[in-house]
Amino acid sequence: MTNNSEYPMEMISQMVFAEQRTVSMCAKQMNIPIYHLLDDPFQSNNKIITHIWGAKDTMRNRIGQRKLFCTTILRKIQEFFPEYYEKIKAVELFKCYS
């Protein structure tokens, strides 16, 4: 973040830095090992990772899209992390989607 005063035309480089690089930089500073989940983020057989970066604005502005996303994610949590499903769907924010 030092000397990051550049203001790019697209605003994407700041989001990438803030949402992705900061965590890995903090982990490195604290000697915490980190790992990647996918060898290739564009692999077509990915059924585990959900990438929502480009859809955030759509979900913020369209309640139908937000509801579809949240119900889909809750189903994924139930399938892949069943031990957390009941706790997560009990959160007030998610009750309307479960």
N, C-alpha and C. Protein backbone atom coordinates (compact mmCIF):
# COMPACT_ATOMS: atom_id res chain seq x y z
N MET A 1 0.82 -1.19 0.00
CA MET A 1 0.00 0.00 0.00
C MET A 1 0.86 1.25 0.00
N THR A 2 2.14 1.09 0.32
CA THR A 2 3.04 2.23 0.32
C THR A 2 3.20 2.78 -1.09
N ASN A 3 3.11 4.08 -1.21
CA ASN A 3 3.27 4.77 -2.50
C ASN A 3 2.26 4.31 -3.54
N ASN A 4 1.08 3.91 -3.13
CA ASN A 4 0.05 3.50 -4.07
C ASN A 4 -0.91 4.66 -4.32
N SER A 5 -0.36 5.76 -4.79
CA SER A 5 -1.18 6.95 -5.02
C SER A 5 -1.72 7.03 -6.44
N GLU A 6 -1.38 6.06 -7.25
CA GLU A 6 -1.86 6.04 -8.62
C GLU A 6 -3.39 5.92 -8.64
N TYR A 7 -4.04 6.64 -9.52
CA TYR A 7 -5.48 6.56 -9.67
C TYR A 7 -5.78 6.05 -11.07
N PRO A 8 -5.89 4.72 -11.23
CA PRO A 8 -6.09 4.18 -12.58
C PRO A 8 -7.49 4.48 -13.10
N MET A 9 -7.64 4.37 -14.39
CA MET A 9 -8.92 4.66 -15.04
C MET A 9 -9.97 3.60 -14.69
N GLU A 10 -9.57 2.37 -14.41
CA GLU A 10 -10.54 1.30 -14.29
C GLU A 10 -10.89 0.89 -12.87
N MET A 11 -10.17 1.29 -11.88
CA MET A 11 -10.40 0.98 -10.47
C MET A 11 -10.23 -0.50 -10.13
N ILE A 12 -9.87 -1.32 -11.09
CA ILE A 12 -9.74 -2.75 -10.82
C ILE A 12 -8.47 -3.06 -10.05
N SER A 13 -7.38 -2.39 -10.36
CA SER A 13 -6.12 -2.72 -9.68
C SER A 13 -6.22 -2.47 -8.18
N GLN A 14 -6.95 -1.44 -7.75
CA GLN A 14 -7.12 -1.21 -6.32
C GLN A 14 -7.95 -2.32 -5.68
N MET A 15 -8.99 -2.77 -6.34
CA MET A 15 -9.81 -3.85 -5.79
C MET A 15 -9.02 -5.14 -5.69
N VAL A 16 -8.22 -5.44 -6.71
CA VAL A 16 -7.39 -6.65 -6.66
C VAL A 16 -6.44 -6.57 -5.48
N PHE A 17 -5.82 -5.43 -5.32
CA PHE A 17 -4.89 -5.28 -4.20
C PHE A 17 -5.61 -5.41 -2.87
N ALA A 18 -6.69 -4.69 -2.70
CA ALA A 18 -7.39 -4.69 -1.42
C ALA A 18 -8.02 -6.03 -1.09
N GLU A 19 -8.60 -6.69 -2.07
CA GLU A 19 -9.33 -7.91 -1.80
C GLU A 19 -8.49 -9.18 -1.88
N GLN A 20 -7.35 -9.14 -2.52
CA GLN A 20 -6.59 -10.36 -2.70
C GLN A 20 -5.16 -10.27 -2.17
N ARG A 21 -4.45 -9.25 -2.49
CA ARG A 21 -3.04 -9.17 -2.12
C ARG A 21 -2.83 -8.87 -0.64
N THR A 22 -3.69 -8.09 -0.02
CA THR A 22 -3.49 -7.70 1.37
C THR A 22 -3.40 -8.91 2.29
N VAL A 23 -4.27 -9.89 2.10
CA VAL A 23 -4.26 -11.08 2.95
C VAL A 23 -2.95 -11.84 2.81
N SER A 24 -2.50 -12.05 1.58
CA SER A 24 -1.25 -12.80 1.40
C SER A 24 -0.05 -12.02 1.93
N MET A 25 -0.05 -10.71 1.81
CA MET A 25 1.05 -9.91 2.34
C MET A 25 1.09 -9.98 3.87
N CYS A 26 -0.07 -9.92 4.50
CA CYS A 26 -0.13 -10.03 5.97
C CYS A 26 0.33 -11.42 6.42
N ALA A 27 -0.10 -12.45 5.71
CA ALA A 27 0.32 -13.82 6.06
C ALA A 27 1.83 -13.97 5.95
N LYS A 28 2.40 -13.43 4.89
CA LYS A 28 3.85 -13.51 4.71
C LYS A 28 4.57 -12.78 5.85
N GLN A 29 4.09 -11.61 6.19
CA GLN A 29 4.69 -10.81 7.26
C GLN A 29 4.66 -11.56 8.59
N MET A 30 3.60 -12.35 8.80
CA MET A 30 3.44 -13.07 10.06
C MET A 30 3.95 -14.52 9.98
N ASN A 31 4.63 -14.85 8.87
CA ASN A 31 5.15 -16.22 8.66
C ASN A 31 4.06 -17.29 8.72
N ILE A 32 2.89 -16.96 8.18
CA ILE A 32 1.79 -17.92 8.10
C ILE A 32 1.76 -18.46 6.67
N PRO A 33 1.89 -19.77 6.50
CA PRO A 33 1.88 -20.31 5.13
C PRO A 33 0.51 -20.15 4.49
N ILE A 34 0.50 -19.84 3.23
CA ILE A 34 -0.75 -19.74 2.47
C ILE A 34 -0.64 -20.63 1.24
N TYR A 35 -1.77 -21.03 0.72
CA TYR A 35 -1.81 -21.95 -0.41
C TYR A 35 -2.89 -21.50 -1.38
N HIS A 36 -2.75 -21.94 -2.60
CA HIS A 36 -3.78 -21.64 -3.59
C HIS A 36 -4.77 -22.80 -3.66
N LEU A 37 -5.96 -22.52 -4.09
CA LEU A 37 -6.99 -23.55 -4.19
C LEU A 37 -7.07 -24.17 -5.57
N LEU A 38 -6.78 -23.39 -6.59
CA LEU A 38 -6.84 -23.88 -7.97
C LEU A 38 -5.50 -23.64 -8.64
N ASP A 39 -5.02 -24.63 -9.39
CA ASP A 39 -3.78 -24.43 -10.14
C ASP A 39 -3.99 -23.42 -11.25
N ASP A 40 -5.15 -23.43 -11.84
CA ASP A 40 -5.48 -22.51 -12.92
C ASP A 40 -6.87 -21.92 -12.64
N PRO A 41 -6.95 -20.63 -12.32
CA PRO A 41 -8.26 -20.06 -11.99
C PRO A 41 -9.27 -20.09 -13.13
N PHE A 42 -8.81 -20.37 -14.34
CA PHE A 42 -9.71 -20.41 -15.49
C PHE A 42 -10.07 -21.84 -15.90
N GLN A 43 -9.70 -22.83 -15.08
CA GLN A 43 -9.98 -24.21 -15.45
C GLN A 43 -11.49 -24.44 -15.54
N SER A 44 -11.90 -25.17 -16.55
CA SER A 44 -13.32 -25.33 -16.82
C SER A 44 -14.00 -26.36 -15.92
N ASN A 45 -13.24 -27.21 -15.27
CA ASN A 45 -13.85 -28.25 -14.44
C ASN A 45 -13.95 -27.84 -12.97
N ASN A 46 -13.85 -26.58 -12.66
CA ASN A 46 -13.97 -26.08 -11.29
C ASN A 46 -15.43 -26.13 -10.84
N LYS A 47 -15.70 -26.90 -9.78
CA LYS A 47 -17.06 -26.97 -9.24
C LYS A 47 -17.08 -26.54 -7.79
N ILE A 48 -15.95 -26.09 -7.24
CA ILE A 48 -15.86 -25.74 -5.84
C ILE A 48 -15.82 -24.23 -5.61
N ILE A 49 -14.98 -23.53 -6.35
CA ILE A 49 -14.75 -22.11 -6.11
C ILE A 49 -15.79 -21.27 -6.85
N THR A 50 -16.37 -20.32 -6.16
CA THR A 50 -17.32 -19.39 -6.76
C THR A 50 -16.66 -18.02 -6.81
N HIS A 51 -16.53 -17.47 -7.98
CA HIS A 51 -15.88 -16.17 -8.15
C HIS A 51 -16.96 -15.14 -8.43
N ILE A 52 -17.12 -14.19 -7.52
CA ILE A 52 -18.23 -13.24 -7.64
C ILE A 52 -17.79 -11.82 -7.94
N TRP A 53 -16.53 -11.63 -8.17
CA TRP A 53 -15.99 -10.29 -8.29
C TRP A 53 -16.78 -9.42 -9.26
N GLY A 54 -17.00 -9.92 -10.45
CA GLY A 54 -17.69 -9.13 -11.46
C GLY A 54 -19.18 -8.99 -11.22
N ALA A 55 -19.74 -9.80 -10.32
CA ALA A 55 -21.19 -9.79 -10.10
C ALA A 55 -21.61 -8.98 -8.88
N LYS A 56 -20.66 -8.46 -8.13
CA LYS A 56 -21.01 -7.74 -6.90
C LYS A 56 -21.96 -6.58 -7.16
N ASP A 57 -21.68 -5.79 -8.16
CA ASP A 57 -22.52 -4.62 -8.44
C ASP A 57 -23.92 -5.05 -8.85
N THR A 58 -24.01 -6.11 -9.65
CA THR A 58 -25.32 -6.62 -10.08
C THR A 58 -26.12 -7.07 -8.88
N MET A 59 -25.49 -7.82 -7.97
CA MET A 59 -26.22 -8.31 -6.79
C MET A 59 -26.61 -7.17 -5.85
N ARG A 60 -25.79 -6.14 -5.81
CA ARG A 60 -26.10 -4.99 -4.96
C ARG A 60 -27.35 -4.27 -5.47
N ASN A 61 -27.52 -4.24 -6.78
CA ASN A 61 -28.61 -3.46 -7.39
C ASN A 61 -29.84 -4.28 -7.79
N ARG A 62 -29.73 -5.61 -7.81
CA ARG A 62 -30.85 -6.44 -8.26
C ARG A 62 -31.14 -7.51 -7.22
N ILE A 63 -32.20 -7.34 -6.51
CA ILE A 63 -32.53 -8.24 -5.40
C ILE A 63 -32.73 -9.68 -5.86
N GLY A 64 -33.28 -9.87 -7.05
CA GLY A 64 -33.48 -11.22 -7.58
C GLY A 64 -32.16 -11.95 -7.78
N GLN A 65 -31.18 -11.25 -8.32
CA GLN A 65 -29.85 -11.84 -8.53
C GLN A 65 -29.19 -12.14 -7.18
N ARG A 66 -29.36 -11.24 -6.23
CA ARG A 66 -28.78 -11.45 -4.89
C ARG A 66 -29.40 -12.68 -4.23
N LYS A 67 -30.72 -12.82 -4.35
CA LYS A 67 -31.40 -13.97 -3.76
C LYS A 67 -30.93 -15.27 -4.42
N LEU A 68 -30.83 -15.28 -5.73
CA LEU A 68 -30.36 -16.46 -6.45
C LEU A 68 -28.94 -16.84 -6.00
N PHE A 69 -28.07 -15.85 -5.90
CA PHE A 69 -26.70 -16.12 -5.46
C PHE A 69 -26.67 -16.68 -4.04
N CYS A 70 -27.39 -16.02 -3.13
CA CYS A 70 -27.36 -16.46 -1.72
C CYS A 70 -27.93 -17.86 -1.54
N THR A 71 -29.01 -18.18 -2.23
CA THR A 71 -29.56 -19.54 -2.11
C THR A 71 -28.60 -20.57 -2.70
N THR A 72 -27.94 -20.22 -3.79
CA THR A 72 -26.96 -21.12 -4.40
C THR A 72 -25.77 -21.35 -3.47
N ILE A 73 -25.29 -20.29 -2.87
CA ILE A 73 -24.15 -20.40 -1.95
C ILE A 73 -24.54 -21.21 -0.71
N LEU A 74 -25.73 -20.99 -0.19
CA LEU A 74 -26.18 -21.77 0.97
C LEU A 74 -26.25 -23.26 0.62
N ARG A 75 -26.68 -23.59 -0.59
CA ARG A 75 -26.69 -24.99 -1.02
C ARG A 75 -25.28 -25.55 -1.10
N LYS A 76 -24.34 -24.75 -1.61
CA LYS A 76 -22.94 -25.19 -1.67
C LYS A 76 -22.38 -25.42 -0.27
N ILE A 77 -22.70 -24.53 0.64
CA ILE A 77 -22.22 -24.69 2.02
C ILE A 77 -22.80 -25.97 2.62
N GLN A 78 -24.08 -26.20 2.36
CA GLN A 78 -24.72 -27.40 2.89
C GLN A 78 -24.05 -28.66 2.31
N GLU A 79 -23.68 -28.62 1.04
CA GLU A 79 -23.05 -29.78 0.39
C GLU A 79 -21.61 -29.98 0.85
N PHE A 80 -20.81 -28.91 0.84
CA PHE A 80 -19.38 -29.04 1.10
C PHE A 80 -19.00 -28.86 2.57
N PHE A 81 -19.80 -28.11 3.32
CA PHE A 81 -19.48 -27.83 4.73
C PHE A 81 -20.73 -28.02 5.60
N PRO A 82 -21.29 -29.23 5.61
CA PRO A 82 -22.55 -29.43 6.33
C PRO A 82 -22.48 -29.09 7.81
N GLU A 83 -21.31 -29.21 8.40
CA GLU A 83 -21.17 -28.91 9.83
C GLU A 83 -21.38 -27.43 10.14
N TYR A 84 -21.28 -26.56 9.13
CA TYR A 84 -21.48 -25.12 9.34
C TYR A 84 -22.84 -24.62 8.84
N TYR A 85 -23.53 -25.44 8.09
CA TYR A 85 -24.76 -25.00 7.43
C TYR A 85 -25.80 -24.47 8.41
N GLU A 86 -26.12 -25.20 9.46
CA GLU A 86 -27.16 -24.77 10.39
C GLU A 86 -26.80 -23.44 11.06
N LYS A 87 -25.52 -23.28 11.39
CA LYS A 87 -25.09 -22.03 12.03
C LYS A 87 -25.22 -20.85 11.07
N ILE A 88 -24.82 -21.07 9.83
CA ILE A 88 -24.85 -19.98 8.85
C ILE A 88 -26.28 -19.60 8.49
N LYS A 89 -27.13 -20.58 8.26
CA LYS A 89 -28.50 -20.23 7.86
C LYS A 89 -29.28 -19.62 9.02
N ALA A 90 -28.78 -19.76 10.25
CA ALA A 90 -29.43 -19.14 11.41
C ALA A 90 -29.06 -17.66 11.56
N VAL A 91 -28.05 -17.20 10.83
CA VAL A 91 -27.67 -15.79 10.88
C VAL A 91 -28.81 -14.97 10.30
N GLU A 92 -29.20 -13.94 11.00
CA GLU A 92 -30.37 -13.13 10.61
C GLU A 92 -30.32 -12.70 9.15
N LEU A 93 -29.17 -12.29 8.68
CA LEU A 93 -29.00 -11.81 7.31
C LEU A 93 -29.36 -12.88 6.27
N PHE A 94 -29.16 -14.16 6.61
CA PHE A 94 -29.38 -15.24 5.63
C PHE A 94 -30.71 -15.96 5.80
N LYS A 95 -31.46 -15.64 6.84
CA LYS A 95 -32.72 -16.36 7.10
C LYS A 95 -33.69 -16.28 5.93
N CYS A 96 -33.71 -15.17 5.24
CA CYS A 96 -34.66 -15.03 4.13
C CYS A 96 -34.25 -15.85 2.90
N TYR A 97 -33.05 -16.40 2.90
CA TYR A 97 -32.58 -17.17 1.75
C TYR A 97 -32.62 -18.68 1.99
N SER A 98 -32.85 -19.10 3.21
CA SER A 98 -32.81 -20.55 3.49
C SER A 98 -34.21 -21.13 3.59
